């Protein structure tokens, strides 16, 4: 009994020392480079936004904010790496719906807890655009739906990973329209766009920042926007909702988080910094130039958004019948 008591005291003392050390270091944070884990490929929307944010934070703090890409398994690999990192403020994650919401319903077992993060701030969101290969015999969403119903199983759609918003947008489309379209997941736009251009897949829900240039060049056709309102970057492209499917509203968001237990002082510093950057005209211009809409807000705002999305996404996943190993 006495040995067990001693061990417990030692463990408690070690924990107290660790907590005190974190608290003391929080005041000097950051005094070395900070890494931002991006759970998607370089060049993807999450990557571009993270690099812009990293540059802005680096200027403010006089430290390097390194973007580290850890793509794969629908953002699980990067999210797991972040969740297992020390909660000292030197590892952050640019999270999104896949990391924080969708995966908990798609996978029976995850290597991390989607709730095991300190929410810092929602940086931005961007609409998805439904792209189609122009060689296919339809030009509009209604024409595509009519073709799909006449040819069940013939069309396919790509996504930038199972459980991502592009996947869920496709499943929502199938649920609302009753069409039979095959889902083909990729690791990101770098793989999905070539597959679409070559005709390997029929359609693809891509972010507007990477997809719109192909529409403007005529290489791909736009069938509709996935969010509830038209984008200022492409005001002539109607939303899917206004084409007869009210309630169709799904778009990627990008939120900065840290491992659970990161000192509150560091979280507060970062929240204030992100919100300051989002008010800076030059920084906002960089984001909006790519079709991204700045968001910002408090930690509580971030938590409320996630809590609102959880039941909505759970319902959609159940309706779709999609499950992952």
Protein backbone atom coordinates (compact mmCIF):
# COMPACT_ATOMS: atom_id res chain seq x y z
CA UNK A 1 0.00 0.00 0.00
CA UNK A 2 2.79 2.40 0.95
CA UNK A 3 4.63 1.72 -2.34
CA UNK A 4 1.45 2.43 -4.31
CA UNK A 5 0.92 5.64 -2.35
CA UNK A 6 4.48 6.76 -3.09
CA UNK A 7 4.04 6.02 -6.81
CA UNK A 8 0.81 8.01 -6.84
CA UNK A 9 2.52 10.94 -5.13
CA UNK A 10 5.39 10.85 -7.61
CA UNK A 11 2.97 10.77 -10.55
CA UNK A 12 0.98 13.67 -9.10
CA UNK A 13 4.12 15.69 -8.52
CA UNK A 14 5.31 15.00 -12.08
CA UNK A 15 1.95 16.10 -13.46
CA UNK A 16 1.99 19.26 -11.36
CA UNK A 17 5.54 20.03 -12.48
CA UNK A 18 4.57 19.46 -16.13
CA UNK A 19 1.53 21.73 -15.80
CA UNK A 20 3.60 24.42 -14.10
CA UNK A 21 6.23 24.18 -16.83
CA UNK A 22 3.59 24.59 -19.55
CA UNK A 23 2.10 27.58 -17.77
CA UNK A 24 5.50 29.22 -17.40
CA UNK A 25 6.42 28.58 -21.03
CA UNK A 26 3.09 29.97 -22.23
CA UNK A 27 4.20 33.46 -21.29
CA UNK A 28 7.27 33.19 -23.54
CA UNK A 29 5.45 31.49 -26.39
CA UNK A 30 6.59 31.25 -29.15
CA UNK A 31 10.35 31.14 -28.67
CA UNK A 32 10.97 28.55 -31.40
CA UNK A 33 9.33 27.55 -34.72
CA UNK A 34 5.70 26.44 -34.68
CA UNK A 35 4.39 23.81 -37.08
CA UNK A 36 0.94 23.80 -38.61
CA UNK A 37 -0.05 20.29 -39.67
CA UNK A 38 -2.14 20.21 -42.84
CA UNK A 39 -3.90 16.85 -43.32
CA UNK A 40 -4.08 17.31 -47.11
CA UNK A 41 -1.70 17.53 -50.04
CA UNK A 42 0.41 20.57 -50.85
CA UNK A 43 -1.49 22.85 -53.20
CA UNK A 44 -4.92 21.94 -51.80
CA UNK A 45 -7.15 24.68 -50.41
CA UNK A 46 -6.31 23.78 -46.80
CA UNK A 47 -2.61 23.99 -47.63
CA UNK A 48 -2.87 27.39 -49.34
CA UNK A 49 -4.86 28.92 -46.50
CA UNK A 50 -2.48 27.47 -43.91
CA UNK A 51 0.55 28.93 -45.67
CA UNK A 52 -1.07 32.35 -45.86
CA UNK A 53 -1.96 32.16 -42.18
CA UNK A 54 1.51 30.90 -41.26
CA UNK A 55 3.14 33.83 -43.03
CA UNK A 56 0.89 36.30 -41.23
CA UNK A 57 1.47 34.74 -37.80
CA UNK A 58 5.20 34.53 -38.47
CA UNK A 59 5.39 38.25 -39.09
CA UNK A 60 3.47 39.02 -35.91
CA UNK A 61 5.49 36.79 -33.61
CA UNK A 62 8.88 36.93 -35.28
CA UNK A 63 9.01 33.14 -35.49
CA UNK A 64 8.69 30.67 -38.33
CA UNK A 65 5.33 28.92 -38.70
CA UNK A 66 6.12 25.80 -40.72
CA UNK A 67 3.39 24.09 -42.74
CA UNK A 68 3.79 20.32 -42.60
CA UNK A 69 1.66 18.31 -45.01
CA UNK A 70 0.48 14.93 -43.72
CA UNK A 71 -2.16 13.82 -46.24
CA UNK A 72 -4.01 10.54 -46.35
CA UNK A 73 -6.95 8.58 -44.95
CA UNK A 74 -9.39 11.47 -45.28
CA UNK A 75 -7.38 13.79 -43.02
CA UNK A 76 -7.02 11.11 -40.33
CA UNK A 77 -3.24 10.76 -40.60
CA UNK A 78 -2.55 14.45 -40.05
CA UNK A 79 -5.25 14.85 -37.41
CA UNK A 80 -3.95 11.89 -35.45
CA UNK A 81 -0.39 13.23 -35.60
CA UNK A 82 -1.57 16.57 -34.23
CA UNK A 83 -3.68 15.01 -31.48
CA UNK A 84 -0.68 12.98 -30.26
CA UNK A 85 1.71 15.94 -30.25
CA UNK A 86 2.77 17.74 -27.06
CA UNK A 87 0.22 20.30 -25.88
CA UNK A 88 2.79 23.07 -25.73
CA UNK A 89 1.59 25.40 -28.48
CA UNK A 90 4.27 24.36 -30.96
CA UNK A 91 2.04 22.01 -32.94
CA UNK A 92 -1.22 23.22 -34.49
CA UNK A 93 -3.64 21.63 -36.92
CA UNK A 94 -5.61 23.26 -39.70
CA UNK A 95 -8.75 21.24 -39.19
CA UNK A 96 -11.97 20.99 -41.17
CA UNK A 97 -15.22 19.04 -41.27
CA UNK A 98 -13.44 15.73 -41.96
CA UNK A 99 -11.12 16.08 -38.95
CA UNK A 100 -13.64 17.40 -36.46
CA UNK A 101 -17.05 16.12 -37.55
CA UNK A 102 -17.49 13.59 -40.37
CA UNK A 103 -14.91 10.94 -39.53
CA UNK A 104 -16.52 10.21 -36.16
CA UNK A 105 -19.57 8.86 -38.00
CA UNK A 106 -17.83 7.21 -40.96
CA UNK A 107 -15.23 5.17 -39.11
CA UNK A 108 -15.91 2.57 -36.43
CA UNK A 109 -12.56 3.30 -34.84
CA UNK A 110 -10.32 6.36 -35.04
CA UNK A 111 -6.77 6.72 -33.75
CA UNK A 112 -7.71 10.07 -32.20
CA UNK A 113 -10.65 11.72 -30.51
CA UNK A 114 -12.21 14.44 -32.72
CA UNK A 115 -13.10 16.30 -29.52
CA UNK A 116 -9.53 16.10 -28.18
CA UNK A 117 -8.49 19.49 -29.51
CA UNK A 118 -8.47 23.02 -28.21
CA UNK A 119 -10.45 25.09 -30.70
CA UNK A 120 -8.72 28.35 -31.56
CA UNK A 121 -10.58 30.07 -34.41
CA UNK A 122 -12.35 29.40 -37.68
CA UNK A 123 -10.15 31.04 -40.28
CA UNK A 124 -12.30 30.83 -43.41
CA UNK A 125 -14.63 28.77 -45.52
CA UNK A 126 -15.01 28.26 -49.24
CA UNK A 127 -17.79 26.85 -51.40
CA UNK A 128 -17.41 23.68 -53.39
CA UNK A 129 -18.17 23.78 -57.09
CA UNK A 130 -19.60 20.76 -58.92
CA UNK A 131 -17.40 20.25 -61.96
CA UNK A 132 -18.14 18.00 -64.94
CA UNK A 133 -16.17 16.78 -67.91
CA UNK A 134 -17.45 18.84 -70.88
CA UNK A 135 -17.43 15.76 -73.14
CA UNK A 136 -20.45 14.37 -71.28
CA UNK A 137 -23.91 14.91 -72.86
CA UNK A 138 -25.23 17.47 -70.38
CA UNK A 139 -24.56 21.14 -69.63
CA UNK A 140 -26.70 21.85 -66.58
CA UNK A 141 -27.51 20.20 -63.28
CA UNK A 142 -31.09 19.26 -64.32
CA UNK A 143 -29.73 17.72 -67.51
CA UNK A 144 -27.14 15.76 -65.52
CA UNK A 145 -29.78 14.44 -63.14
CA UNK A 146 -32.02 13.38 -66.03
CA UNK A 147 -29.06 11.63 -67.69
CA UNK A 148 -28.06 9.91 -64.44
CA UNK A 149 -31.59 8.60 -63.89
CA UNK A 150 -31.72 7.28 -67.44
CA UNK A 151 -28.27 5.68 -67.03
CA UNK A 152 -28.03 4.46 -63.41
CA UNK A 153 -24.50 3.68 -62.29
CA UNK A 154 -22.88 5.12 -65.41
CA UNK A 155 -21.73 8.39 -63.88
CA UNK A 156 -19.15 8.79 -61.12
CA UNK A 157 -17.96 11.63 -58.96
CA UNK A 158 -14.57 12.24 -57.42
CA UNK A 159 -13.85 13.68 -54.00
CA UNK A 160 -10.70 14.76 -52.21
CA UNK A 161 -11.13 11.91 -49.73
CA UNK A 162 -13.81 9.83 -48.05
CA UNK A 163 -15.49 11.86 -45.33
CA UNK A 164 -14.46 15.22 -46.77
CA UNK A 165 -16.99 17.87 -47.71
CA UNK A 166 -16.63 16.97 -51.39
CA UNK A 167 -17.65 13.40 -50.53
CA UNK A 168 -20.53 14.50 -48.34
CA UNK A 169 -21.71 16.96 -51.01
CA UNK A 170 -21.88 14.07 -53.48
CA UNK A 171 -23.82 11.93 -51.02
CA UNK A 172 -26.20 14.80 -50.32
CA UNK A 173 -26.75 15.20 -54.05
CA UNK A 174 -27.53 11.48 -54.39
CA UNK A 175 -29.92 11.59 -51.43
CA UNK A 176 -31.83 14.67 -52.61
CA UNK A 177 -32.05 13.71 -56.29
CA UNK A 178 -32.30 9.94 -56.06
CA UNK A 179 -29.55 9.33 -58.63
CA UNK A 180 -27.11 6.42 -58.66
CA UNK A 181 -23.58 7.86 -58.98
CA UNK A 182 -20.38 6.06 -57.99
CA UNK A 183 -18.05 7.74 -55.50
CA UNK A 184 -14.32 7.65 -56.35
CA UNK A 185 -12.12 9.09 -53.56
CA UNK A 186 -8.73 10.68 -54.21
CA UNK A 187 -6.12 12.22 -51.93
CA UNK A 188 -6.72 15.75 -53.22
CA UNK A 189 -7.23 18.01 -56.21
CA UNK A 190 -3.78 17.13 -57.55
CA UNK A 191 -5.10 13.64 -58.30
CA UNK A 192 -8.82 14.29 -58.81
CA UNK A 193 -8.55 17.06 -61.42
CA UNK A 194 -6.41 15.00 -63.86
CA UNK A 195 -8.82 12.09 -63.44
CA UNK A 196 -11.73 14.38 -64.31
CA UNK A 197 -9.95 15.97 -67.27
CA UNK A 198 -9.08 12.54 -68.70
CA UNK A 199 -12.61 11.22 -68.28
CA UNK A 200 -11.66 8.67 -65.65
CA UNK A 201 -14.45 10.17 -63.51
CA UNK A 202 -17.50 12.17 -64.62
CA UNK A 203 -17.73 14.88 -61.97
CA UNK A 204 -15.95 16.31 -58.98
CA UNK A 205 -16.93 18.54 -56.05
CA UNK A 206 -13.87 20.79 -55.78
CA UNK A 207 -13.16 23.98 -53.89
CA UNK A 208 -13.75 27.07 -55.98
CA UNK A 209 -10.15 28.23 -55.58
CA UNK A 210 -8.75 25.18 -57.40
CA UNK A 211 -11.71 24.38 -59.64
CA UNK A 212 -12.79 27.72 -61.06
CA UNK A 213 -9.69 28.30 -63.26
CA UNK A 214 -10.57 25.13 -65.19
CA UNK A 215 -14.10 26.42 -65.72
CA UNK A 216 -12.85 29.79 -66.96
CA UNK A 217 -10.48 28.08 -69.39
CA UNK A 218 -13.28 25.89 -70.74
CA UNK A 219 -11.58 22.66 -69.72
CA UNK A 220 -14.33 21.80 -67.25
CA UNK A 221 -18.00 22.67 -66.87
CA UNK A 222 -19.62 24.05 -63.71
CA UNK A 223 -23.01 22.59 -62.73
CA UNK A 224 -23.58 24.43 -59.47
CA UNK A 225 -22.23 25.74 -56.17
CA UNK A 226 -22.59 23.63 -53.04
CA UNK A 227 -23.31 26.38 -50.52
CA UNK A 228 -26.49 28.37 -49.99
CA UNK A 229 -25.45 31.52 -51.86
CA UNK A 230 -23.60 32.35 -55.07
CA UNK A 231 -19.93 33.21 -54.94
CA UNK A 232 -18.75 36.72 -55.73
CA UNK A 233 -15.98 35.09 -57.78
CA UNK A 234 -18.47 33.30 -60.01
CA UNK A 235 -21.84 35.08 -59.72
CA UNK A 236 -23.09 33.47 -62.93
CA UNK A 237 -22.87 29.94 -61.50
CA UNK A 238 -26.13 29.08 -59.71
CA UNK A 239 -26.23 27.18 -56.45
CA UNK A 240 -27.55 23.64 -56.37
CA UNK A 241 -30.16 24.82 -53.87
CA UNK A 242 -31.67 27.34 -56.27
CA UNK A 243 -31.85 24.73 -59.03
CA UNK A 244 -34.61 22.88 -57.24
CA UNK A 245 -32.92 21.45 -54.16
CA UNK A 246 -33.49 23.84 -51.26
CA UNK A 247 -31.48 23.01 -48.18
CA UNK A 248 -28.44 21.92 -50.16
CA UNK A 249 -25.73 23.74 -48.24
CA UNK A 250 -22.35 22.18 -47.60
CA UNK A 251 -18.98 23.91 -47.81
CA UNK A 252 -15.50 23.32 -46.39
CA UNK A 253 -14.34 25.41 -43.47
CA UNK A 254 -10.83 25.77 -42.08
CA UNK A 255 -10.32 26.01 -38.34
CA UNK A 256 -7.09 26.27 -36.38
CA UNK A 257 -6.89 23.90 -33.40
CA UNK A 258 -4.25 22.64 -30.96
CA UNK A 259 -3.79 19.41 -28.97
CA UNK A 260 -6.00 19.10 -25.90
CA UNK A 261 -4.37 20.69 -22.89
CA UNK A 262 -2.57 23.46 -24.75
CA UNK A 263 -2.39 26.37 -22.26
CA UNK A 264 -5.37 28.69 -22.41
CA UNK A 265 -3.03 31.69 -22.64
CA UNK A 266 -1.58 30.40 -25.90
CA UNK A 267 -5.04 29.62 -27.29
CA UNK A 268 -6.18 33.14 -26.41
CA UNK A 269 -3.07 34.67 -28.02
CA UNK A 270 -3.64 32.75 -31.23
CA UNK A 271 -7.34 33.54 -31.34
CA UNK A 272 -6.60 37.25 -31.02
CA UNK A 273 -3.87 37.04 -33.67
CA UNK A 274 -6.05 35.19 -36.17
CA UNK A 275 -8.86 37.69 -35.72
CA UNK A 276 -6.44 40.61 -36.17
CA UNK A 277 -5.13 39.08 -39.39
CA UNK A 278 -8.66 38.56 -40.68
CA UNK A 279 -9.32 42.27 -40.22
CA UNK A 280 -6.17 43.24 -42.13
CA UNK A 281 -7.15 44.37 -45.66
CA UNK A 282 -4.03 42.89 -47.29
CA UNK A 283 -4.54 39.51 -45.63
CA UNK A 284 -8.25 39.46 -46.44
CA UNK A 285 -7.46 40.27 -50.05
CA UNK A 286 -5.13 37.26 -50.25
CA UNK A 287 -7.91 35.00 -48.99
CA UNK A 288 -10.74 36.41 -51.08
CA UNK A 289 -8.62 36.37 -54.23
CA UNK A 290 -8.84 32.59 -54.08
CA UNK A 291 -12.58 32.49 -53.43
CA UNK A 292 -12.15 32.02 -49.69
CA UNK A 293 -14.41 33.93 -47.31
CA UNK A 294 -12.75 35.07 -44.05
CA UNK A 295 -14.55 33.94 -40.92
CA UNK A 296 -12.98 34.62 -37.50
CA UNK A 297 -14.78 34.80 -34.18
CA UNK A 298 -14.31 33.48 -30.68
CA UNK A 299 -13.42 30.01 -29.42
CA UNK A 300 -17.05 29.68 -28.35
CA UNK A 301 -18.20 30.55 -31.88
CA UNK A 302 -16.01 27.76 -33.25
CA UNK A 303 -17.38 25.26 -30.74
CA UNK A 304 -20.97 26.27 -31.51
CA UNK A 305 -20.42 25.78 -35.24
CA UNK A 306 -19.02 22.29 -34.73
CA UNK A 307 -21.83 21.36 -32.34
CA UNK A 308 -24.38 22.48 -34.93
CA UNK A 309 -22.75 20.43 -37.68
CA UNK A 310 -22.46 17.20 -35.70
CA UNK A 311 -26.16 16.13 -35.73
CA UNK A 312 -26.63 17.37 -39.30
CA UNK A 313 -23.67 15.34 -40.52
CA UNK A 314 -24.68 12.27 -38.53
CA UNK A 315 -28.07 12.31 -40.26
CA UNK A 316 -26.49 12.68 -43.70
CA UNK A 317 -24.05 9.82 -43.12
CA UNK A 318 -26.87 7.55 -41.92
CA UNK A 319 -29.00 8.46 -44.95
CA UNK A 320 -26.15 7.74 -47.32
CA UNK A 321 -25.34 4.40 -45.72
CA UNK A 322 -21.63 5.08 -46.17
CA UNK A 323 -19.25 3.45 -43.69
CA UNK A 324 -15.47 3.11 -43.70
CA UNK A 325 -13.14 0.54 -42.16
